[in-house]
Amino acid sequence: MDTLGAAKGHRKPKAGAKVNKQKRKAFEKQKKAQPSLAEQRKNPKAFGVAKAGRARKTIKRNLDRAHRKEHVQQQDCGLWLLPL
C-alpha cells in the first residue's frame, strides 16, 4: 500500500494576500532586470528599414492593388437590348 499511496508533497498556496505580494515582488524584480526602452534602442540600424528598394516595391504594389479595387459603376447594359 505504501508504494501506491505515496505521500504527497507540500502544496504552495496559489491565492491570497501573501501570494499576491510575492507575485508583485517577482514582477517588479523582473521589470528591473529588463533594459529600458532607451537602452533597447541604442542600435539604430536594428530598427530601421533594411532594404529601401523592397520597401518601395511593397508600397507601390499595395497602392496598385488598392487602385485596382477602385472602379466606376457601369451603366445598365439592358437599355440596348430593348426592341426598337
N, C-alpha and C. Protein backbone atom coordinates (compact mmCIF):
# COMPACT_ATOMS: atom_id res chain seq x y z
N MET A 1 0.82 -1.19 0.00
CA MET A 1 0.00 0.00 0.00
C MET A 1 0.86 1.25 0.00
N ASP A 2 2.06 1.14 0.57
CA ASP A 2 2.94 2.30 0.62
C ASP A 2 3.40 2.71 -0.77
N THR A 3 3.60 1.76 -1.66
CA THR A 3 4.08 2.10 -3.00
C THR A 3 2.99 2.79 -3.81
N LEU A 4 1.75 2.40 -3.60
CA LEU A 4 0.67 3.01 -4.37
C LEU A 4 0.27 4.38 -3.81
N GLY A 5 0.21 4.49 -2.50
CA GLY A 5 -0.24 5.74 -1.88
C GLY A 5 0.93 6.54 -1.36
N ALA A 6 1.80 6.98 -2.26
CA ALA A 6 2.97 7.75 -1.83
C ALA A 6 2.50 9.07 -1.22
N ALA A 7 3.24 9.53 -0.23
CA ALA A 7 2.88 10.77 0.45
C ALA A 7 3.02 11.95 -0.52
N LYS A 8 2.02 12.78 -0.53
CA LYS A 8 2.05 13.95 -1.41
C LYS A 8 2.89 15.04 -0.77
N GLY A 9 3.57 15.77 -1.59
CA GLY A 9 4.40 16.86 -1.10
C GLY A 9 3.56 18.06 -0.70
N HIS A 10 4.22 19.05 -0.15
CA HIS A 10 3.54 20.27 0.28
C HIS A 10 3.06 21.06 -0.93
N ARG A 11 1.82 21.53 -0.88
CA ARG A 11 1.27 22.34 -1.96
C ARG A 11 1.29 23.79 -1.54
N LYS A 12 1.98 24.60 -2.34
CA LYS A 12 2.05 26.03 -2.03
C LYS A 12 0.71 26.68 -2.32
N PRO A 13 0.32 27.65 -1.52
CA PRO A 13 -0.95 28.35 -1.79
C PRO A 13 -0.85 29.16 -3.09
N LYS A 14 -1.96 29.21 -3.81
CA LYS A 14 -1.98 29.89 -5.10
C LYS A 14 -2.82 31.16 -5.08
N ALA A 15 -3.46 31.44 -3.97
CA ALA A 15 -4.31 32.62 -3.87
C ALA A 15 -4.15 33.23 -2.48
N GLY A 16 -4.45 34.51 -2.39
CA GLY A 16 -4.39 35.17 -1.10
C GLY A 16 -3.45 36.36 -1.13
N ALA A 17 -3.44 37.11 -0.03
CA ALA A 17 -2.65 38.34 0.04
C ALA A 17 -1.16 38.06 -0.05
N LYS A 18 -0.71 37.02 0.62
CA LYS A 18 0.73 36.72 0.63
C LYS A 18 1.21 36.34 -0.78
N VAL A 19 0.43 35.55 -1.48
CA VAL A 19 0.80 35.15 -2.83
C VAL A 19 0.79 36.36 -3.76
N ASN A 20 -0.21 37.23 -3.61
CA ASN A 20 -0.26 38.44 -4.44
C ASN A 20 0.96 39.31 -4.21
N LYS A 21 1.38 39.42 -2.96
CA LYS A 21 2.56 40.21 -2.63
C LYS A 21 3.81 39.60 -3.27
N GLN A 22 3.91 38.28 -3.22
CA GLN A 22 5.06 37.60 -3.82
C GLN A 22 5.07 37.78 -5.34
N LYS A 23 3.90 37.70 -5.95
CA LYS A 23 3.81 37.89 -7.40
C LYS A 23 4.20 39.31 -7.78
N ARG A 24 3.73 40.29 -7.00
CA ARG A 24 4.05 41.69 -7.29
C ARG A 24 5.55 41.92 -7.14
N LYS A 25 6.15 41.33 -6.11
CA LYS A 25 7.58 41.48 -5.88
C LYS A 25 8.38 40.84 -7.03
N ALA A 26 7.96 39.67 -7.49
CA ALA A 26 8.63 39.00 -8.60
C ALA A 26 8.51 39.81 -9.88
N PHE A 27 7.34 40.42 -10.09
CA PHE A 27 7.12 41.23 -11.29
C PHE A 27 8.02 42.46 -11.29
N GLU A 28 8.12 43.12 -10.14
CA GLU A 28 8.98 44.30 -10.03
C GLU A 28 10.45 43.93 -10.24
N LYS A 29 10.84 42.78 -9.73
CA LYS A 29 12.22 42.32 -9.91
C LYS A 29 12.50 42.05 -11.39
N GLN A 30 11.54 41.44 -12.06
CA GLN A 30 11.70 41.15 -13.49
C GLN A 30 11.73 42.45 -14.30
N LYS A 31 10.91 43.41 -13.89
CA LYS A 31 10.86 44.69 -14.59
C LYS A 31 12.19 45.43 -14.48
N LYS A 32 12.82 45.35 -13.31
CA LYS A 32 14.12 46.00 -13.12
C LYS A 32 15.19 45.31 -13.96
N ALA A 33 15.06 44.00 -14.14
CA ALA A 33 16.06 43.25 -14.89
C ALA A 33 16.01 43.58 -16.38
N GLN A 34 14.82 43.96 -16.90
CA GLN A 34 14.69 44.28 -18.31
C GLN A 34 15.29 45.66 -18.58
N PRO A 35 15.99 45.80 -19.69
CA PRO A 35 16.52 47.12 -20.03
C PRO A 35 15.39 48.07 -20.43
N SER A 36 15.61 49.34 -20.21
CA SER A 36 14.59 50.33 -20.55
C SER A 36 14.48 50.46 -22.06
N LEU A 37 13.47 51.16 -22.51
CA LEU A 37 13.24 51.32 -23.94
C LEU A 37 14.40 52.08 -24.59
N ALA A 38 14.95 53.06 -23.89
CA ALA A 38 16.08 53.82 -24.43
C ALA A 38 17.31 52.92 -24.58
N GLU A 39 17.51 52.02 -23.64
CA GLU A 39 18.65 51.12 -23.73
C GLU A 39 18.45 50.09 -24.83
N GLN A 40 17.21 49.69 -25.06
CA GLN A 40 16.94 48.72 -26.11
C GLN A 40 17.21 49.31 -27.49
N ARG A 41 17.01 50.60 -27.65
CA ARG A 41 17.12 51.23 -28.97
C ARG A 41 18.46 51.90 -29.19
N LYS A 42 19.51 51.41 -28.58
CA LYS A 42 20.82 52.02 -28.79
C LYS A 42 21.40 51.66 -30.15
N ASN A 43 20.88 50.64 -30.79
CA ASN A 43 21.37 50.24 -32.11
C ASN A 43 20.34 50.70 -33.15
N PRO A 44 20.53 51.88 -33.75
CA PRO A 44 19.52 52.39 -34.69
C PRO A 44 19.39 51.55 -35.95
N LYS A 45 20.46 50.85 -36.35
CA LYS A 45 20.38 50.04 -37.56
C LYS A 45 19.42 48.86 -37.38
N ALA A 46 19.23 48.43 -36.16
CA ALA A 46 18.36 47.29 -35.90
C ALA A 46 16.90 47.64 -36.08
N PHE A 47 16.54 48.92 -36.02
CA PHE A 47 15.15 49.31 -36.07
C PHE A 47 14.81 50.09 -37.34
N GLY A 48 15.74 50.22 -38.25
CA GLY A 48 15.48 50.95 -39.49
C GLY A 48 15.01 50.00 -40.57
N VAL A 49 14.85 50.53 -41.77
CA VAL A 49 14.46 49.73 -42.92
C VAL A 49 15.71 49.08 -43.48
N ALA A 50 15.68 47.77 -43.61
CA ALA A 50 16.85 47.04 -44.08
C ALA A 50 17.07 47.24 -45.58
N LYS A 51 15.98 47.16 -46.34
CA LYS A 51 16.10 47.27 -47.80
C LYS A 51 15.10 48.31 -48.30
N ALA A 52 15.62 49.43 -48.72
CA ALA A 52 14.76 50.53 -49.18
C ALA A 52 14.04 50.15 -50.47
N GLY A 53 14.72 49.43 -51.36
CA GLY A 53 14.10 49.03 -52.63
C GLY A 53 12.91 48.12 -52.42
N ARG A 54 13.06 47.18 -51.51
CA ARG A 54 11.96 46.26 -51.23
C ARG A 54 10.78 47.01 -50.62
N ALA A 55 11.07 47.95 -49.73
CA ALA A 55 10.01 48.74 -49.12
C ALA A 55 9.28 49.57 -50.18
N ARG A 56 10.03 50.15 -51.11
CA ARG A 56 9.44 50.95 -52.18
C ARG A 56 8.53 50.07 -53.05
N LYS A 57 9.02 48.87 -53.40
CA LYS A 57 8.22 47.96 -54.22
C LYS A 57 6.95 47.52 -53.50
N THR A 58 7.06 47.28 -52.20
CA THR A 58 5.89 46.86 -51.42
C THR A 58 4.85 47.96 -51.37
N ILE A 59 5.29 49.19 -51.15
CA ILE A 59 4.36 50.32 -51.11
C ILE A 59 3.68 50.49 -52.45
N LYS A 60 4.45 50.42 -53.54
CA LYS A 60 3.89 50.56 -54.88
C LYS A 60 2.88 49.46 -55.17
N ARG A 61 3.21 48.24 -54.78
CA ARG A 61 2.32 47.10 -55.01
C ARG A 61 1.00 47.30 -54.25
N ASN A 62 1.09 47.74 -53.00
CA ASN A 62 -0.13 47.96 -52.22
C ASN A 62 -0.98 49.07 -52.80
N LEU A 63 -0.34 50.13 -53.29
CA LEU A 63 -1.08 51.21 -53.93
C LEU A 63 -1.76 50.74 -55.21
N ASP A 64 -1.05 49.93 -56.01
CA ASP A 64 -1.63 49.41 -57.24
C ASP A 64 -2.83 48.51 -56.93
N ARG A 65 -2.71 47.68 -55.92
CA ARG A 65 -3.81 46.80 -55.56
C ARG A 65 -5.01 47.60 -55.07
N ALA A 66 -4.75 48.66 -54.29
CA ALA A 66 -5.85 49.50 -53.81
C ALA A 66 -6.51 50.22 -54.98
N HIS A 67 -5.71 50.67 -55.95
CA HIS A 67 -6.25 51.38 -57.11
C HIS A 67 -7.09 50.44 -57.97
N ARG A 68 -6.69 49.20 -58.07
CA ARG A 68 -7.42 48.24 -58.87
C ARG A 68 -8.82 48.00 -58.29
N LYS A 69 -8.95 48.13 -56.98
CA LYS A 69 -10.26 47.91 -56.35
C LYS A 69 -11.20 49.09 -56.58
N GLU A 70 -10.64 50.26 -56.88
CA GLU A 70 -11.49 51.42 -57.15
C GLU A 70 -12.01 51.31 -58.58
N HIS A 71 -13.31 51.31 -58.73
CA HIS A 71 -13.87 51.24 -60.07
C HIS A 71 -15.14 52.08 -60.13
N VAL A 72 -15.44 52.56 -61.32
CA VAL A 72 -16.64 53.34 -61.55
C VAL A 72 -17.75 52.36 -61.89
N GLN A 73 -18.92 52.57 -61.32
CA GLN A 73 -20.02 51.67 -61.60
C GLN A 73 -20.42 51.80 -63.07
N GLN A 74 -20.64 50.66 -63.70
CA GLN A 74 -21.01 50.66 -65.10
C GLN A 74 -22.50 50.98 -65.22
N GLN A 75 -22.84 51.58 -66.37
CA GLN A 75 -24.24 51.88 -66.62
C GLN A 75 -24.98 50.59 -66.93
N ASP A 76 -26.29 50.65 -66.78
CA ASP A 76 -27.11 49.48 -67.04
C ASP A 76 -27.01 49.12 -68.52
N CYS A 77 -26.57 47.93 -68.81
CA CYS A 77 -26.40 47.50 -70.20
C CYS A 77 -27.70 46.97 -70.80
N GLY A 78 -28.76 46.90 -70.02
CA GLY A 78 -30.02 46.38 -70.51
C GLY A 78 -30.75 47.31 -71.45
N LEU A 79 -30.34 48.57 -71.57
CA LEU A 79 -31.03 49.53 -72.43
C LEU A 79 -30.89 49.18 -73.90
N TRP A 80 -29.78 48.69 -74.33
CA TRP A 80 -29.59 48.41 -75.74
C TRP A 80 -30.25 47.11 -76.17
N LEU A 81 -30.77 46.33 -75.21
CA LEU A 81 -31.46 45.10 -75.57
C LEU A 81 -32.94 45.33 -75.88
N LEU A 82 -33.45 46.54 -75.61
CA LEU A 82 -34.85 46.82 -75.86
C LEU A 82 -35.15 46.82 -77.37
N PRO A 83 -36.28 46.26 -77.75
CA PRO A 83 -36.63 46.28 -79.19
C PRO A 83 -37.00 47.68 -79.65
N LEU A 84 -36.68 47.98 -80.87
CA LEU A 84 -36.98 49.31 -81.43
C LEU A 84 -38.30 49.35 -82.11
